C-alpha atoms as a PDB file:
ATOM      1  CA  MET A   1      11.076  -3.546  24.214  1.00  0.00           C
ATOM      2  CA  ASN A   2       9.586  -5.970  27.142  1.00  0.00           C
ATOM      3  CA  LYS A   3       6.579  -6.676  24.999  1.00  0.00           C
ATOM      4  CA  TYR A   4       8.587  -7.583  22.010  1.00  0.00           C
ATOM      5  CA  ILE A   5      11.019  -9.849  24.099  1.00  0.00           C
ATOM      6  CA  ILE A   6       7.771 -11.544  25.833  1.00  0.00           C
ATOM      7  CA  ALA A   7       5.942 -12.151  21.990  1.00  0.00           C
ATOM      8  CA  ALA A   8       8.970 -13.222  20.940  1.00  0.00           C
ATOM      9  CA  ALA A   9       9.201 -15.895  23.648  1.00  0.00           C
ATOM     10  CA  ALA A  10       5.786 -16.767  23.226  1.00  0.00           C
ATOM     11  CA  CYS A  11       6.495 -17.768  19.156  1.00  0.00           C
ATOM     12  CA  ALA A  12       9.492 -19.911  20.375  1.00  0.00           C
ATOM     13  CA  ALA A  13       7.509 -21.702  22.681  1.00  0.00           C
ATOM     14  CA  LEU A  14       4.943 -22.150  20.459  1.00  0.00           C
ATOM     15  CA  ALA A  15       7.304 -23.576  17.852  1.00  0.00           C
ATOM     16  CA  SER A  16       9.377 -25.843  19.662  1.00  0.00           C
ATOM     17  CA  GLY A  17       7.174 -28.815  19.371  1.00  0.00           C
ATOM     18  CA  ALA A  18       6.689 -28.081  15.411  1.00  0.00           C
ATOM     19  CA  ALA A  19       6.309 -31.134  13.285  1.00  0.00           C
ATOM     20  CA  VAL A  20       7.838 -30.973   9.668  1.00  0.00           C
ATOM     21  CA  ALA A  21       5.320 -29.486   6.979  1.00  0.00           C
ATOM     22  CA  GLN A  22       5.721 -27.965   4.025  1.00  0.00           C
ATOM     23  CA  ASP A  23       3.294 -25.156   4.225  1.00  0.00           C
ATOM     24  CA  PHE A  24       5.579 -22.311   2.200  1.00  0.00           C
ATOM     25  CA  LYS A  25       8.236 -23.235  -0.076  1.00  0.00           C
ATOM     26  CA  ALA A  26      10.726 -21.341  -2.627  1.00  0.00           C
ATOM     27  CA  GLY A  27       9.408 -18.391  -4.773  1.00  0.00           C
ATOM     28  CA  ASP A  28       6.216 -18.012  -2.343  1.00  0.00           C
ATOM     29  CA  LEU A  29       5.082 -14.687  -1.728  1.00  0.00           C
ATOM     30  CA  LEU A  30       3.510 -13.402   0.986  1.00  0.00           C
ATOM     31  CA  VAL A  31       1.565  -9.824   1.190  1.00  0.00           C
ATOM     32  CA  ARG A  32      -0.121  -9.062   3.879  1.00  0.00           C
ATOM     33  CA  ALA A  33      -2.609  -5.976   4.669  1.00  0.00           C
ATOM     34  CA  ARG A  34      -2.633  -5.033   8.650  1.00  0.00           C
ATOM     35  CA  ALA A  35      -3.373  -1.955  10.798  1.00  0.00           C
ATOM     36  CA  VAL A  36      -0.422  -1.295  12.979  1.00  0.00           C
ATOM     37  CA  ARG A  37      -0.627   1.033  16.357  1.00  0.00           C
ATOM     38  CA  LEU A  38       2.373   2.818  16.693  1.00  0.00           C
ATOM     39  CA  SER A  39       3.980   3.577  19.640  1.00  0.00           C
ATOM     40  CA  SER A  40       6.763   6.110  20.221  1.00  0.00           C
ATOM     41  CA  ASP A  41       9.017   5.622  23.246  1.00  0.00           C
ATOM     42  CA  ASN A  42       9.526   9.467  23.375  1.00  0.00           C
ATOM     43  CA  GLY A  43      13.166   9.537  24.715  1.00  0.00           C
ATOM     44  CA  GLY A  44      16.783  10.878  23.629  1.00  0.00           C
ATOM     45  CA  SER A  45      18.379  13.838  24.972  1.00  0.00           C
ATOM     46  CA  LEU A  46      15.212  16.022  24.122  1.00  0.00           C
ATOM     47  CA  GLY A  47      12.661  12.952  25.216  1.00  0.00           C
ATOM     48  CA  GLN A  48      10.599  12.643  28.018  1.00  0.00           C
ATOM     49  CA  GLY A  49      11.907  14.175  31.631  1.00  0.00           C
ATOM     50  CA  THR A  50      14.047  17.044  29.993  1.00  0.00           C
ATOM     51  CA  ALA A  51      13.264  20.096  30.081  1.00  0.00           C
ATOM     52  CA  THR A  52      11.826  20.232  26.967  1.00  0.00           C
ATOM     53  CA  ASP A  53      10.032  16.993  27.056  1.00  0.00           C
ATOM     54  CA  LEU A  54      10.038  16.912  23.442  1.00  0.00           C
ATOM     55  CA  THR A  55       7.674  13.866  21.980  1.00  0.00           C
ATOM     56  CA  ILE A  56       5.019  12.807  19.074  1.00  0.00           C
ATOM     57  CA  ASN A  57       1.545  11.412  19.243  1.00  0.00           C
ATOM     58  CA  ASP A  58       0.731   7.781  18.914  1.00  0.00           C
ATOM     59  CA  LYS A  59      -1.293   6.401  16.183  1.00  0.00           C
ATOM     60  CA  THR A  60      -3.141   3.771  14.138  1.00  0.00           C
ATOM     61  CA  ILE A  61      -1.149   3.500  11.002  1.00  0.00           C
ATOM     62  CA  PRO A  62      -1.928   1.048   7.556  1.00  0.00           C
ATOM     63  CA  GLU A  63       1.117  -0.684   6.973  1.00  0.00           C
ATOM     64  CA  VAL A  64       1.359  -3.283   3.457  1.00  0.00           C
ATOM     65  CA  ASP A  65       4.611  -5.514   3.745  1.00  0.00           C
ATOM     66  CA  PHE A  66       5.720  -8.803   0.872  1.00  0.00           C
ATOM     67  CA  THR A  67       7.183 -11.638   2.144  1.00  0.00           C
ATOM     68  CA  TYR A  68       9.520 -13.402   0.009  1.00  0.00           C
ATOM     69  CA  PHE A  69      10.430 -17.156   0.540  1.00  0.00           C
ATOM     70  CA  PHE A  70      13.937 -18.763  -0.396  1.00  0.00           C
ATOM     71  CA  ASN A  71      12.725 -22.014   1.349  1.00  0.00           C
ATOM     72  CA  LYS A  72       9.799 -22.490   3.675  1.00  0.00           C
ATOM     73  CA  ASN A  73      11.684 -21.301   6.889  1.00  0.00           C
ATOM     74  CA  LEU A  74      14.238 -18.866   6.127  1.00  0.00           C
ATOM     75  CA  ALA A  75      12.245 -15.243   4.061  1.00  0.00           C
ATOM     76  CA  ALA A  76      12.692 -11.583   3.691  1.00  0.00           C
ATOM     77  CA  GLU A  77       9.910  -8.847   4.302  1.00  0.00           C
ATOM     78  CA  LEU A  78      10.315  -5.371   2.793  1.00  0.00           C
ATOM     79  CA  ILE A  79       7.299  -3.383   4.861  1.00  0.00           C
ATOM     80  CA  LEU A  80       5.866  -0.539   3.915  1.00  0.00           C
ATOM     81  CA  THR A  81       3.482   2.090   4.916  1.00  0.00           C
ATOM     82  CA  VAL A  82       2.763   5.674   3.424  1.00  0.00           C
ATOM     83  CA  PRO A  83       3.978   8.687   4.850  1.00  0.00           C
ATOM     84  CA  GLN A  84       2.748   9.416   8.849  1.00  0.00           C
ATOM     85  CA  ARG A  85       1.811  12.944   9.716  1.00  0.00           C
ATOM     86  CA  HIS A  86       2.849  13.582  13.746  1.00  0.00           C
ATOM     87  CA  ASP A  87       1.938  16.347  16.093  1.00  0.00           C
ATOM     88  CA  VAL A  88       5.499  17.394  18.023  1.00  0.00           C
ATOM     89  CA  SER A  89       4.966  18.264  21.434  1.00  0.00           C
ATOM     90  CA  ALA A  90       7.068  20.370  23.923  1.00  0.00           C
ATOM     91  CA  GLY A  91       6.181  20.341  27.421  1.00  0.00           C
ATOM     92  CA  GLY A  92       3.041  18.741  26.708  1.00  0.00           C
ATOM     93  CA  ALA A  93       1.660  21.946  24.007  1.00  0.00           C
ATOM     94  CA  LYS A  94       1.383  20.832  20.790  1.00  0.00           C
ATOM     95  CA  ILE A  95       4.779  23.410  18.520  1.00  0.00           C
ATOM     96  CA  GLY A  96       4.533  21.989  15.333  1.00  0.00           C
ATOM     97  CA  THR A  97       4.349  18.795  13.056  1.00  0.00           C
ATOM     98  CA  LEU A  98       6.412  16.215  10.936  1.00  0.00           C
ATOM     99  CA  LYS A  99       5.873  13.328   8.229  1.00  0.00           C
ATOM    100  CA  HIS A 100       7.578  10.731   8.618  1.00  0.00           C
ATOM    101  CA  LEU A 101       7.740   7.989   6.206  1.00  0.00           C
ATOM    102  CA  PRO A 102      10.011   4.248   7.651  1.00  0.00           C
ATOM    103  CA  PRO A 103      10.619   1.657   5.165  1.00  0.00           C
ATOM    104  CA  THR A 104      11.759  -1.597   6.838  1.00  0.00           C
ATOM    105  CA  LEU A 105      13.670  -4.789   5.366  1.00  0.00           C
ATOM    106  CA  THR A 106      13.780  -7.472   7.760  1.00  0.00           C
ATOM    107  CA  ALA A 107      15.061 -11.417   7.514  1.00  0.00           C
ATOM    108  CA  GLN A 108      13.154 -13.315   8.994  1.00  0.00           C
ATOM    109  CA  TYR A 109      12.981 -17.027  10.700  1.00  0.00           C
ATOM    110  CA  HIS A 110       9.548 -18.994  10.045  1.00  0.00           C
ATOM    111  CA  PHE A 111       9.075 -22.028  12.187  1.00  0.00           C
ATOM    112  CA  ASN A 112       7.233 -25.289  10.926  1.00  0.00           C
ATOM    113  CA  PRO A 113       3.665 -24.600  11.834  1.00  0.00           C
ATOM    114  CA  VAL A 114       1.830 -26.066  14.984  1.00  0.00           C
ATOM    115  CA  SER A 115      -2.577 -26.555  14.200  1.00  0.00           C
ATOM    116  CA  GLY A 116      -2.078 -24.236  11.784  1.00  0.00           C
ATOM    117  CA  PHE A 117      -0.250 -21.577  13.207  1.00  0.00           C
ATOM    118  CA  LYS A 118       3.223 -20.531  11.924  1.00  0.00           C
ATOM    119  CA  PRO A 119       5.281 -18.378  14.053  1.00  0.00           C
ATOM    120  CA  TYR A 120       8.587 -16.271  13.093  1.00  0.00           C
ATOM    121  CA  VAL A 121      11.350 -14.049  13.971  1.00  0.00           C
ATOM    122  CA  GLY A 122      13.047 -11.524  11.885  1.00  0.00           C
ATOM    123  CA  ALA A 123      15.422  -8.607  12.487  1.00  0.00           C
ATOM    124  CA  GLY A 124      16.585  -6.305   9.554  1.00  0.00           C
ATOM    125  CA  VAL A 125      16.840  -2.618   9.082  1.00  0.00           C
ATOM    126  CA  ASN A 126      14.643   0.433   9.071  1.00  0.00           C
ATOM    127  CA  PHE A 127      15.401   4.106   7.026  1.00  0.00           C
ATOM    128  CA  THR A 128      12.853   6.947   7.629  1.00  0.00           C
ATOM    129  CA  ASN A 129      12.792   9.751   5.901  1.00  0.00           C
ATOM    130  CA  PHE A 130      11.447  12.666   7.472  1.00  0.00           C
ATOM    131  CA  THR A 131       9.261  15.632   5.611  1.00  0.00           C
ATOM    132  CA  ALA A 132       6.912  18.461   5.783  1.00  0.00           C
ATOM    133  CA  VAL A 133       8.531  19.376   9.099  1.00  0.00           C
ATOM    134  CA  ASP A 134       7.298  22.537  10.198  1.00  0.00           C
ATOM    135  CA  LEU A 135       8.467  22.977  13.933  1.00  0.00           C
ATOM    136  CA  PRO A 136       8.450  26.988  15.171  1.00  0.00           C
ATOM    137  CA  ALA A 137      11.260  29.605  13.418  1.00  0.00           C
ATOM    138  CA  GLY A 138      15.141  28.622  14.133  1.00  0.00           C
ATOM    139  CA  TYR A 139      14.034  24.369  14.841  1.00  0.00           C
ATOM    140  CA  ASN A 140      14.854  21.587  12.517  1.00  0.00           C
ATOM    141  CA  VAL A 141      15.155  17.974  12.581  1.00  0.00           C
ATOM    142  CA  ASP A 142      17.684  15.687  10.064  1.00  0.00           C
ATOM    143  CA  ARG A 143      15.860  14.599   7.396  1.00  0.00           C
ATOM    144  CA  GLN A 144      16.931  11.318   7.350  1.00  0.00           C
ATOM    145  CA  SER A 145      17.271   7.971  10.118  1.00  0.00           C
ATOM    146  CA  PHE A 146      19.081   4.254   9.832  1.00  0.00           C
ATOM    147  CA  GLY A 147      18.272   2.113  12.579  1.00  0.00           C
ATOM    148  CA  LEU A 148      17.591  -1.669  13.494  1.00  0.00           C
ATOM    149  CA  ALA A 149      14.722  -3.466  13.342  1.00  0.00           C
ATOM    150  CA  LEU A 150      13.481  -7.032  15.902  1.00  0.00           C
ATOM    151  CA  GLN A 151       9.987  -8.253  14.763  1.00  0.00           C
ATOM    152  CA  ALA A 152       8.676 -11.545  15.740  1.00  0.00           C
ATOM    153  CA  GLY A 153       4.739 -12.867  14.449  1.00  0.00           C
ATOM    154  CA  VAL A 154       2.579 -15.959  13.802  1.00  0.00           C
ATOM    155  CA  ASP A 155       0.272 -16.382  10.492  1.00  0.00           C
ATOM    156  CA  TYR A 156      -2.525 -18.281  11.330  1.00  0.00           C
ATOM    157  CA  GLU A 157      -4.587 -20.689   8.257  1.00  0.00           C
ATOM    158  CA  LEU A 158      -7.797 -19.483   8.159  1.00  0.00           C
ATOM    159  CA  SER A 159      -8.469 -21.312   4.367  1.00  0.00           C
ATOM    160  CA  LYS A 160      -5.737 -22.403   1.779  1.00  0.00           C
ATOM    161  CA  ASN A 161      -3.400 -18.792   0.609  1.00  0.00           C
ATOM    162  CA  LEU A 162      -5.331 -17.241   3.149  1.00  0.00           C
ATOM    163  CA  TYR A 163      -3.711 -16.137   6.849  1.00  0.00           C
ATOM    164  CA  LEU A 164      -4.542 -14.111   9.964  1.00  0.00           C
ATOM    165  CA  ASN A 165      -1.719 -12.528  10.835  1.00  0.00           C
ATOM    166  CA  LEU A 166      -0.068 -10.962  14.256  1.00  0.00           C
ATOM    167  CA  ASP A 167       3.111  -8.732  14.307  1.00  0.00           C
ATOM    168  CA  VAL A 168       5.023  -7.197  16.811  1.00  0.00           C
ATOM    169  CA  LYS A 169       7.909  -4.938  15.811  1.00  0.00           C
ATOM    170  CA  LYS A 170      10.317  -2.564  17.759  1.00  0.00           C
ATOM    171  CA  VAL A 171      12.302  -0.237  15.434  1.00  0.00           C
ATOM    172  CA  GLN A 172      14.956   2.378  16.016  1.00  0.00           C
ATOM    173  CA  ILE A 173      14.316   5.970  14.611  1.00  0.00           C
ATOM    174  CA  LYS A 174      16.190   8.445  15.573  1.00  0.00           C
ATOM    175  CA  THR A 175      16.738  12.147  14.651  1.00  0.00           C
ATOM    176  CA  ASP A 176      19.263  15.204  15.551  1.00  0.00           C
ATOM    177  CA  VAL A 177      17.379  18.221  16.922  1.00  0.00           C
ATOM    178  CA  SER A 178      19.116  21.575  15.839  1.00  0.00           C
ATOM    179  CA  VAL A 179      18.841  25.262  16.283  1.00  0.00           C
ATOM    180  CA  ASN A 180      19.836  28.192  14.225  1.00  0.00           C
ATOM    181  CA  GLY A 181      22.013  25.446  13.252  1.00  0.00           C
ATOM    182  CA  ALA A 182      23.213  23.996  16.115  1.00  0.00           C
ATOM    183  CA  LYS A 183      22.809  20.511  17.184  1.00  0.00           C
ATOM    184  CA  VAL A 184      21.209  20.460  20.796  1.00  0.00           C
ATOM    185  CA  GLY A 185      20.230  17.438  21.384  1.00  0.00           C
ATOM    186  CA  ASP A 186      18.697  14.324  19.465  1.00  0.00           C
ATOM    187  CA  PHE A 187      15.078  12.663  19.924  1.00  0.00           C
ATOM    188  CA  LYS A 188      14.623   8.960  19.852  1.00  0.00           C
ATOM    189  CA  VAL A 189      10.884   7.924  18.162  1.00  0.00           C
ATOM    190  CA  ASP A 190      11.961   3.984  18.384  1.00  0.00           C
ATOM    191  CA  PRO A 191       8.302   3.138  18.009  1.00  0.00           C
ATOM    192  CA  LEU A 192       7.048  -0.305  19.489  1.00  0.00           C
ATOM    193  CA  LEU A 193       4.562  -1.170  16.560  1.00  0.00           C
ATOM    194  CA  VAL A 194       1.761  -4.055  17.046  1.00  0.00           C
ATOM    195  CA  GLY A 195      -0.619  -4.995  13.980  1.00  0.00           C
ATOM    196  CA  VAL A 196      -3.119  -7.381  12.943  1.00  0.00           C
ATOM    197  CA  GLY A 197      -3.956  -8.155   9.483  1.00  0.00           C
ATOM    198  CA  LEU A 198      -4.919 -10.507   6.508  1.00  0.00           C
ATOM    199  CA  GLY A 199      -2.102 -12.411   4.197  1.00  0.00           C
ATOM    200  CA  TRP A 200      -2.347 -13.782   0.839  1.00  0.00           C
ATOM    201  CA  ARG A 201       0.311 -16.405  -0.633  1.00  0.00           C
ATOM    202  CA  PHE A 202       0.901 -16.367  -4.024  1.00  0.00           C
END
């Protein structure tokens, strides 16, 4: 979360001297493709520092998002990826695997551009669906999770309708863990997602 706060502060500082510009307009669609580093918080009552030390591995994932502009400053972004497979470990030893699919929808404010840079901040909701859960006999996790998402980033105009994008998100993802049908705790993935990619405006 500290990294997110620093990124958001940097974007706000960059935007503070922005001059009015008509960079985006109502009806514009910005499609981005990113490479994203997912770093799990591995917290909760079954997270690091407990007897079970439940964790999943960090990894780099592909991401595609679609941003629709209501006007030059206000937009909504739908963030998508493909189902991601993770190793599940307890006490440092792998005990199984699972997949998760975490589409996220955010409402965004895009600051006016400065020298080609257009920073933005966003907040929204994440829905995560867990599938292909392969854990020791008797162990299970809830299949769905809802949580908040916070976002900060910047687009830099490389050429007409082509942008370089840097993006940071903090997402709440939590699932209950059960043994033989009885809840024994919860596991918070709560990843920090740092991405870089290209965007195309239509």
